C-alpha atoms as a PDB file:
ATOM      1  CA  UNK A   1      19.887 -32.638  -4.225  1.00  0.00           C
ATOM      2  CA  UNK A   2      18.991 -29.633  -6.376  1.00  0.00           C
ATOM      3  CA  UNK A   3      20.439 -26.529  -4.738  1.00  0.00           C
ATOM      4  CA  UNK A   4      20.812 -23.599  -7.182  1.00  0.00           C
ATOM      5  CA  UNK A   5      21.995 -21.358  -4.347  1.00  0.00           C
ATOM      6  CA  UNK A   6      25.266 -23.250  -3.878  1.00  0.00           C
ATOM      7  CA  UNK A   7      28.077 -24.618  -6.042  1.00  0.00           C
ATOM      8  CA  UNK A   8      26.563 -26.227  -9.185  1.00  0.00           C
ATOM      9  CA  UNK A   9      28.917 -29.191  -8.782  1.00  0.00           C
ATOM     10  CA  UNK A  10      27.360 -30.009  -5.401  1.00  0.00           C
ATOM     11  CA  UNK A  11      24.998 -32.726  -6.789  1.00  0.00           C
ATOM     12  CA  UNK A  12      27.877 -34.418  -8.578  1.00  0.00           C
ATOM     13  CA  UNK A  13      30.039 -34.371  -5.459  1.00  0.00           C
ATOM     14  CA  UNK A  14      27.160 -35.730  -3.390  1.00  0.00           C
ATOM     15  CA  UNK A  15      26.612 -38.600  -5.840  1.00  0.00           C
ATOM     16  CA  UNK A  16      30.312 -39.422  -5.796  1.00  0.00           C
ATOM     17  CA  UNK A  17      30.250 -39.551  -2.005  1.00  0.00           C
ATOM     18  CA  UNK A  18      27.140 -41.728  -2.061  1.00  0.00           C
ATOM     19  CA  UNK A  19      28.845 -44.076  -4.521  1.00  0.00           C
ATOM     20  CA  UNK A  20      31.734 -44.551  -2.083  1.00  0.00           C
ATOM     21  CA  UNK A  21      29.291 -45.497   0.675  1.00  0.00           C
ATOM     22  CA  UNK A  22      27.523 -47.956  -1.636  1.00  0.00           C
ATOM     23  CA  UNK A  23      30.814 -49.641  -2.539  1.00  0.00           C
ATOM     24  CA  UNK A  24      31.823 -50.025   1.117  1.00  0.00           C
ATOM     25  CA  UNK A  25      28.503 -50.627   2.880  1.00  0.00           C
ATOM     26  CA  UNK A  26      26.191 -52.118   0.240  1.00  0.00           C
ATOM     27  CA  UNK A  27      24.643 -54.699   2.604  1.00  0.00           C
ATOM     28  CA  UNK A  28      23.498 -51.936   4.979  1.00  0.00           C
ATOM     29  CA  UNK A  29      22.044 -49.789   2.200  1.00  0.00           C
ATOM     30  CA  UNK A  30      19.714 -52.274   0.471  1.00  0.00           C
ATOM     31  CA  UNK A  31      16.633 -50.722   2.087  1.00  0.00           C
ATOM     32  CA  UNK A  32      17.453 -47.395   0.403  1.00  0.00           C
ATOM     33  CA  UNK A  33      17.491 -48.687  -3.179  1.00  0.00           C
ATOM     34  CA  UNK A  34      14.240 -47.033  -4.247  1.00  0.00           C
ATOM     35  CA  UNK A  35      15.462 -43.759  -2.714  1.00  0.00           C
ATOM     36  CA  UNK A  36      18.643 -44.038  -4.779  1.00  0.00           C
ATOM     37  CA  UNK A  37      16.531 -44.609  -7.877  1.00  0.00           C
ATOM     38  CA  UNK A  38      14.541 -41.463  -7.133  1.00  0.00           C
ATOM     39  CA  UNK A  39      17.787 -39.482  -6.834  1.00  0.00           C
ATOM     40  CA  UNK A  40      18.836 -40.757 -10.263  1.00  0.00           C
ATOM     41  CA  UNK A  41      15.491 -39.706 -11.739  1.00  0.00           C
ATOM     42  CA  UNK A  42      15.780 -36.260 -10.177  1.00  0.00           C
ATOM     43  CA  UNK A  43      19.231 -35.734 -11.632  1.00  0.00           C
ATOM     44  CA  UNK A  44      17.965 -36.687 -15.101  1.00  0.00           C
ATOM     45  CA  UNK A  45      14.955 -34.382 -15.034  1.00  0.00           C
ATOM     46  CA  UNK A  46      14.990 -32.345 -18.308  1.00  0.00           C
ATOM     47  CA  UNK A  47      13.316 -29.481 -16.459  1.00  0.00           C
ATOM     48  CA  UNK A  48      16.414 -29.208 -14.246  1.00  0.00           C
ATOM     49  CA  UNK A  49      18.909 -28.320 -16.986  1.00  0.00           C
ATOM     50  CA  UNK A  50      21.759 -27.249 -14.704  1.00  0.00           C
ATOM     51  CA  UNK A  51      21.343 -30.226 -12.409  1.00  0.00           C
ATOM     52  CA  UNK A  52      21.283 -32.605 -15.385  1.00  0.00           C
ATOM     53  CA  UNK A  53      24.345 -30.985 -16.952  1.00  0.00           C
ATOM     54  CA  UNK A  54      26.586 -31.127 -13.902  1.00  0.00           C
ATOM     55  CA  UNK A  55      25.521 -34.526 -12.586  1.00  0.00           C
ATOM     56  CA  UNK A  56      25.289 -36.559 -15.818  1.00  0.00           C
ATOM     57  CA  UNK A  57      28.659 -38.296 -15.487  1.00  0.00           C
ATOM     58  CA  UNK A  58      28.244 -38.963 -11.761  1.00  0.00           C
ATOM     59  CA  UNK A  59      24.761 -40.385 -12.329  1.00  0.00           C
ATOM     60  CA  UNK A  60      26.117 -42.781 -14.949  1.00  0.00           C
ATOM     61  CA  UNK A  61      28.893 -44.000 -12.659  1.00  0.00           C
ATOM     62  CA  UNK A  62      26.557 -44.253  -9.654  1.00  0.00           C
ATOM     63  CA  UNK A  63      24.026 -46.288 -11.667  1.00  0.00           C
ATOM     64  CA  UNK A  64      26.778 -48.637 -12.821  1.00  0.00           C
ATOM     65  CA  UNK A  65      27.921 -49.079  -9.213  1.00  0.00           C
ATOM     66  CA  UNK A  66      24.379 -49.886  -8.076  1.00  0.00           C
ATOM     67  CA  UNK A  67      24.020 -52.601 -10.712  1.00  0.00           C
ATOM     68  CA  UNK A  68      27.400 -54.065  -9.778  1.00  0.00           C
ATOM     69  CA  UNK A  69      26.880 -54.023  -6.007  1.00  0.00           C
ATOM     70  CA  UNK A  70      23.188 -54.911  -5.686  1.00  0.00           C
ATOM     71  CA  UNK A  71      21.705 -58.065  -7.259  1.00  0.00           C
ATOM     72  CA  UNK A  72      18.321 -56.417  -6.573  1.00  0.00           C
ATOM     73  CA  UNK A  73      19.070 -53.805  -9.270  1.00  0.00           C
ATOM     74  CA  UNK A  74      19.088 -54.301 -13.054  1.00  0.00           C
ATOM     75  CA  UNK A  75      19.401 -51.791 -15.884  1.00  0.00           C
ATOM     76  CA  UNK A  76      18.583 -52.339 -19.551  1.00  0.00           C
ATOM     77  CA  UNK A  77      20.623 -49.985 -21.706  1.00  0.00           C
ATOM     78  CA  UNK A  78      18.507 -49.997 -24.899  1.00  0.00           C
ATOM     79  CA  UNK A  79      15.149 -49.394 -23.232  1.00  0.00           C
ATOM     80  CA  UNK A  80      16.630 -47.237 -20.431  1.00  0.00           C
ATOM     81  CA  UNK A  81      14.595 -49.204 -17.897  1.00  0.00           C
ATOM     82  CA  UNK A  82      15.745 -49.643 -14.320  1.00  0.00           C
ATOM     83  CA  UNK A  83      14.341 -52.423 -12.122  1.00  0.00           C
ATOM     84  CA  UNK A  84      14.667 -52.513  -8.327  1.00  0.00           C
ATOM     85  CA  UNK A  85      13.652 -55.421  -6.113  1.00  0.00           C
ATOM     86  CA  UNK A  86      12.479 -54.387  -2.655  1.00  0.00           C
ATOM     87  CA  UNK A  87      12.113 -55.824   0.847  1.00  0.00           C
ATOM     88  CA  UNK A  88       8.385 -55.119   0.510  1.00  0.00           C
ATOM     89  CA  UNK A  89       8.019 -57.891  -2.116  1.00  0.00           C
ATOM     90  CA  UNK A  90       7.607 -55.495  -5.059  1.00  0.00           C
ATOM     91  CA  UNK A  91       9.693 -54.958  -8.146  1.00  0.00           C
ATOM     92  CA  UNK A  92       9.682 -51.263  -9.017  1.00  0.00           C
ATOM     93  CA  UNK A  93      10.504 -50.318 -12.604  1.00  0.00           C
ATOM     94  CA  UNK A  94      11.640 -46.869 -13.702  1.00  0.00           C
ATOM     95  CA  UNK A  95      11.809 -45.313 -17.161  1.00  0.00           C
ATOM     96  CA  UNK A  96      14.928 -43.161 -17.216  1.00  0.00           C
ATOM     97  CA  UNK A  97      14.009 -41.583 -20.554  1.00  0.00           C
ATOM     98  CA  UNK A  98      10.740 -40.341 -19.100  1.00  0.00           C
ATOM     99  CA  UNK A  99      12.412 -39.801 -15.678  1.00  0.00           C
ATOM    100  CA  UNK A 100       9.450 -41.481 -13.951  1.00  0.00           C
ATOM    101  CA  UNK A 101       8.343 -44.574 -12.089  1.00  0.00           C
ATOM    102  CA  UNK A 102       7.040 -46.801 -14.891  1.00  0.00           C
ATOM    103  CA  UNK A 103       5.523 -49.918 -13.335  1.00  0.00           C
ATOM    104  CA  UNK A 104       5.227 -51.861 -10.077  1.00  0.00           C
ATOM    105  CA  UNK A 105       5.223 -55.657 -10.360  1.00  0.00           C
ATOM    106  CA  UNK A 106       3.231 -57.361  -7.630  1.00  0.00           C
ATOM    107  CA  UNK A 107       3.195 -61.087  -6.943  1.00  0.00           C
ATOM    108  CA  UNK A 108       6.065 -61.895  -4.633  1.00  0.00           C
ATOM    109  CA  UNK A 109       5.171 -62.413  -0.984  1.00  0.00           C
ATOM    110  CA  UNK A 110       8.655 -61.890   0.450  1.00  0.00           C
ATOM    111  CA  UNK A 111      11.780 -59.815  -0.151  1.00  0.00           C
ATOM    112  CA  UNK A 112      13.062 -59.746  -3.734  1.00  0.00           C
ATOM    113  CA  UNK A 113      16.751 -60.673  -3.715  1.00  0.00           C
ATOM    114  CA  UNK A 114      17.669 -60.543  -7.394  1.00  0.00           C
ATOM    115  CA  UNK A 115      16.413 -59.157 -10.721  1.00  0.00           C
ATOM    116  CA  UNK A 116      17.605 -59.324 -14.330  1.00  0.00           C
ATOM    117  CA  UNK A 117      16.437 -58.348 -17.833  1.00  0.00           C
ATOM    118  CA  UNK A 118      16.742 -60.475 -20.941  1.00  0.00           C
ATOM    119  CA  UNK A 119      18.797 -59.040 -23.820  1.00  0.00           C
ATOM    120  CA  UNK A 120      15.826 -57.391 -25.548  1.00  0.00           C
ATOM    121  CA  UNK A 121      14.347 -55.977 -22.346  1.00  0.00           C
ATOM    122  CA  UNK A 122      11.043 -57.766 -22.949  1.00  0.00           C
ATOM    123  CA  UNK A 123      11.260 -60.049 -19.917  1.00  0.00           C
ATOM    124  CA  UNK A 124      12.347 -59.507 -16.341  1.00  0.00           C
ATOM    125  CA  UNK A 125      13.175 -62.296 -13.904  1.00  0.00           C
ATOM    126  CA  UNK A 126      13.002 -61.783 -10.138  1.00  0.00           C
ATOM    127  CA  UNK A 127      14.196 -64.121  -7.383  1.00  0.00           C
ATOM    128  CA  UNK A 128      13.065 -64.394  -3.760  1.00  0.00           C
ATOM    129  CA  UNK A 129      15.184 -66.496  -1.422  1.00  0.00           C
ATOM    130  CA  UNK A 130      12.470 -66.703   1.243  1.00  0.00           C
ATOM    131  CA  UNK A 131       9.831 -67.821  -1.270  1.00  0.00           C
ATOM    132  CA  UNK A 132      12.236 -70.236  -2.961  1.00  0.00           C
ATOM    133  CA  UNK A 133      11.054 -69.221  -6.408  1.00  0.00           C
ATOM    134  CA  UNK A 134      11.799 -67.138  -9.475  1.00  0.00           C
ATOM    135  CA  UNK A 135       9.169 -65.142 -11.363  1.00  0.00           C
ATOM    136  CA  UNK A 136       9.500 -64.286 -15.042  1.00  0.00           C
ATOM    137  CA  UNK A 137       7.537 -61.195 -16.082  1.00  0.00           C
ATOM    138  CA  UNK A 138       6.544 -59.897 -19.504  1.00  0.00           C
ATOM    139  CA  UNK A 139       7.507 -56.198 -19.485  1.00  0.00           C
ATOM    140  CA  UNK A 140       6.728 -55.004 -23.008  1.00  0.00           C
ATOM    141  CA  UNK A 141       6.262 -51.346 -23.698  1.00  0.00           C
ATOM    142  CA  UNK A 142       2.767 -49.913 -23.200  1.00  0.00           C
ATOM    143  CA  UNK A 143       2.520 -49.274 -26.961  1.00  0.00           C
ATOM    144  CA  UNK A 144       2.848 -53.000 -27.627  1.00  0.00           C
ATOM    145  CA  UNK A 145      -0.297 -53.653 -25.621  1.00  0.00           C
ATOM    146  CA  UNK A 146      -2.119 -50.839 -27.361  1.00  0.00           C
ATOM    147  CA  UNK A 147      -1.406 -52.388 -30.765  1.00  0.00           C
ATOM    148  CA  UNK A 148      -2.253 -55.903 -29.662  1.00  0.00           C
ATOM    149  CA  UNK A 149      -5.516 -55.136 -27.872  1.00  0.00           C
ATOM    150  CA  UNK A 150      -6.919 -52.216 -29.861  1.00  0.00           C
ATOM    151  CA  UNK A 151     -10.498 -52.526 -28.638  1.00  0.00           C
ATOM    152  CA  UNK A 152     -12.840 -50.930 -26.072  1.00  0.00           C
ATOM    153  CA  UNK A 153     -11.732 -51.579 -22.529  1.00  0.00           C
ATOM    154  CA  UNK A 154      -8.169 -52.327 -23.591  1.00  0.00           C
ATOM    155  CA  UNK A 155      -6.681 -50.393 -20.678  1.00  0.00           C
ATOM    156  CA  UNK A 156      -7.965 -52.780 -18.019  1.00  0.00           C
ATOM    157  CA  UNK A 157      -6.869 -55.742 -20.144  1.00  0.00           C
ATOM    158  CA  UNK A 158      -3.437 -54.223 -20.452  1.00  0.00           C
ATOM    159  CA  UNK A 159      -3.077 -54.038 -16.688  1.00  0.00           C
ATOM    160  CA  UNK A 160      -4.007 -57.695 -16.422  1.00  0.00           C
ATOM    161  CA  UNK A 161      -1.362 -58.713 -18.954  1.00  0.00           C
ATOM    162  CA  UNK A 162       1.283 -56.725 -17.116  1.00  0.00           C
ATOM    163  CA  UNK A 163       0.798 -58.853 -14.013  1.00  0.00           C
ATOM    164  CA  UNK A 164       1.251 -62.226 -15.706  1.00  0.00           C
ATOM    165  CA  UNK A 165       4.365 -64.159 -14.848  1.00  0.00           C
ATOM    166  CA  UNK A 166       5.804 -67.650 -14.845  1.00  0.00           C
ATOM    167  CA  UNK A 167       6.802 -69.091 -11.478  1.00  0.00           C
ATOM    168  CA  UNK A 168       9.825 -71.359 -11.200  1.00  0.00           C
ATOM    169  CA  UNK A 169      10.447 -73.303  -8.000  1.00  0.00           C
ATOM    170  CA  UNK A 170      14.049 -73.024  -6.820  1.00  0.00           C
ATOM    171  CA  UNK A 171      13.557 -76.266  -4.847  1.00  0.00           C
ATOM    172  CA  UNK A 172      12.736 -78.226  -7.998  1.00  0.00           C
ATOM    173  CA  UNK A 173      14.471 -81.599  -8.154  1.00  0.00           C
ATOM    174  CA  UNK A 174      14.874 -81.111 -11.907  1.00  0.00           C
ATOM    175  CA  UNK A 175      17.251 -78.182 -11.598  1.00  0.00           C
ATOM    176  CA  UNK A 176      20.749 -78.691 -12.988  1.00  0.00           C
ATOM    177  CA  UNK A 177      23.797 -77.682 -10.974  1.00  0.00           C
ATOM    178  CA  UNK A 178      26.358 -76.317 -13.429  1.00  0.00           C
ATOM    179  CA  UNK A 179      29.200 -75.042 -11.299  1.00  0.00           C
ATOM    180  CA  UNK A 180      30.442 -74.244  -7.810  1.00  0.00           C
ATOM    181  CA  UNK A 181      32.287 -70.995  -7.203  1.00  0.00           C
ATOM    182  CA  UNK A 182      34.153 -72.242  -4.145  1.00  0.00           C
ATOM    183  CA  UNK A 183      34.328 -71.336  -0.437  1.00  0.00           C
ATOM    184  CA  UNK A 184      36.470 -68.234  -1.017  1.00  0.00           C
ATOM    185  CA  UNK A 185      33.831 -66.506  -3.145  1.00  0.00           C
ATOM    186  CA  UNK A 186      31.768 -63.823  -1.357  1.00  0.00           C
ATOM    187  CA  UNK A 187      28.071 -64.625  -0.720  1.00  0.00           C
ATOM    188  CA  UNK A 188      26.226 -63.083  -3.626  1.00  0.00           C
ATOM    189  CA  UNK A 189      23.004 -63.762  -5.518  1.00  0.00           C
ATOM    190  CA  UNK A 190      23.197 -63.623  -9.299  1.00  0.00           C
ATOM    191  CA  UNK A 191      20.371 -64.198 -11.766  1.00  0.00           C
ATOM    192  CA  UNK A 192      20.657 -64.116 -15.562  1.00  0.00           C
ATOM    193  CA  UNK A 193      19.053 -65.347 -18.785  1.00  0.00           C
ATOM    194  CA  UNK A 194      21.350 -67.732 -20.696  1.00  0.00           C
ATOM    195  CA  UNK A 195      21.337 -69.723 -23.926  1.00  0.00           C
ATOM    196  CA  UNK A 196      20.982 -68.668 -27.559  1.00  0.00           C
ATOM    197  CA  UNK A 197      17.223 -68.147 -27.151  1.00  0.00           C
ATOM    198  CA  UNK A 198      17.467 -67.140 -23.478  1.00  0.00           C
ATOM    199  CA  UNK A 199      15.067 -69.931 -22.578  1.00  0.00           C
ATOM    200  CA  UNK A 200      17.077 -70.796 -19.476  1.00  0.00           C
ATOM    201  CA  UNK A 201      17.611 -68.934 -16.233  1.00  0.00           C
ATOM    202  CA  UNK A 202      20.853 -69.318 -14.308  1.00  0.00           C
ATOM    203  CA  UNK A 203      20.795 -68.632 -10.584  1.00  0.00           C
ATOM    204  CA  UNK A 204      23.798 -68.411  -8.293  1.00  0.00           C
ATOM    205  CA  UNK A 205      22.560 -68.728  -4.726  1.00  0.00           C
ATOM    206  CA  UNK A 206      24.030 -67.387  -1.496  1.00  0.00           C
ATOM    207  CA  UNK A 207      25.952 -70.630  -0.885  1.00  0.00           C
ATOM    208  CA  UNK A 208      27.683 -70.043  -4.243  1.00  0.00           C
ATOM    209  CA  UNK A 209      26.065 -72.949  -6.063  1.00  0.00           C
ATOM    210  CA  UNK A 210      24.808 -72.220  -9.569  1.00  0.00           C
ATOM    211  CA  UNK A 211      21.726 -73.863 -11.067  1.00  0.00           C
ATOM    212  CA  UNK A 212      19.888 -73.636 -14.381  1.00  0.00           C
ATOM    213  CA  UNK A 213      16.137 -73.728 -14.963  1.00  0.00           C
ATOM    214  CA  UNK A 214      14.230 -74.094 -18.243  1.00  0.00           C
ATOM    215  CA  UNK A 215      11.656 -71.299 -18.434  1.00  0.00           C
ATOM    216  CA  UNK A 216       9.243 -72.855 -20.934  1.00  0.00           C
ATOM    217  CA  UNK A 217       8.778 -75.984 -18.812  1.00  0.00           C
ATOM    218  CA  UNK A 218       7.205 -74.139 -15.911  1.00  0.00           C
ATOM    219  CA  UNK A 219       3.608 -73.214 -15.250  1.00  0.00           C
ATOM    220  CA  UNK A 220       2.304 -69.711 -15.903  1.00  0.00           C
END
């Protein structure tokens, strides 16, 4: 995408074209989500001053479109973290400030169909339709773990903490159906933290039924 030998607005025009394709053919482009994330990182590279300058607005609009069109994509504004659920059962997290891949969350055994951050960006929830479960991950900053552990061998401990998650069964008989969007609504997965303390997850499934699950009542 970086071509100094041609018009400097080329990256911006390419992103705008890509955004149009995403808006029209999102279902066909899900397998390219991590590639899209890499394009965003490239355009934000501080070592590519011209590329960053001319593509900044288009990157912002493209990122917004990705979040709107793909339930597998979530962005947390304050922490500048981007999360992407993949068909390979991983959740890939990117740090846009550092323009780098930040963390890979392993634990799912099937395609990840939805992701969402809580308001503070400290937790990430991921949903897999094939597994029939939701995982809630602790995604604190690396410096948090440094301060909490602060002892020899802390690095390996830190990696262990990163992988911890709570698993919520979507098939649970205790789930509460809160609303039904209706037959005219498009099939779309939506996952979000709700409540004053964000202790509840709300999931809208592909059949447009919405359920709520209490996070603290489920096994870690």
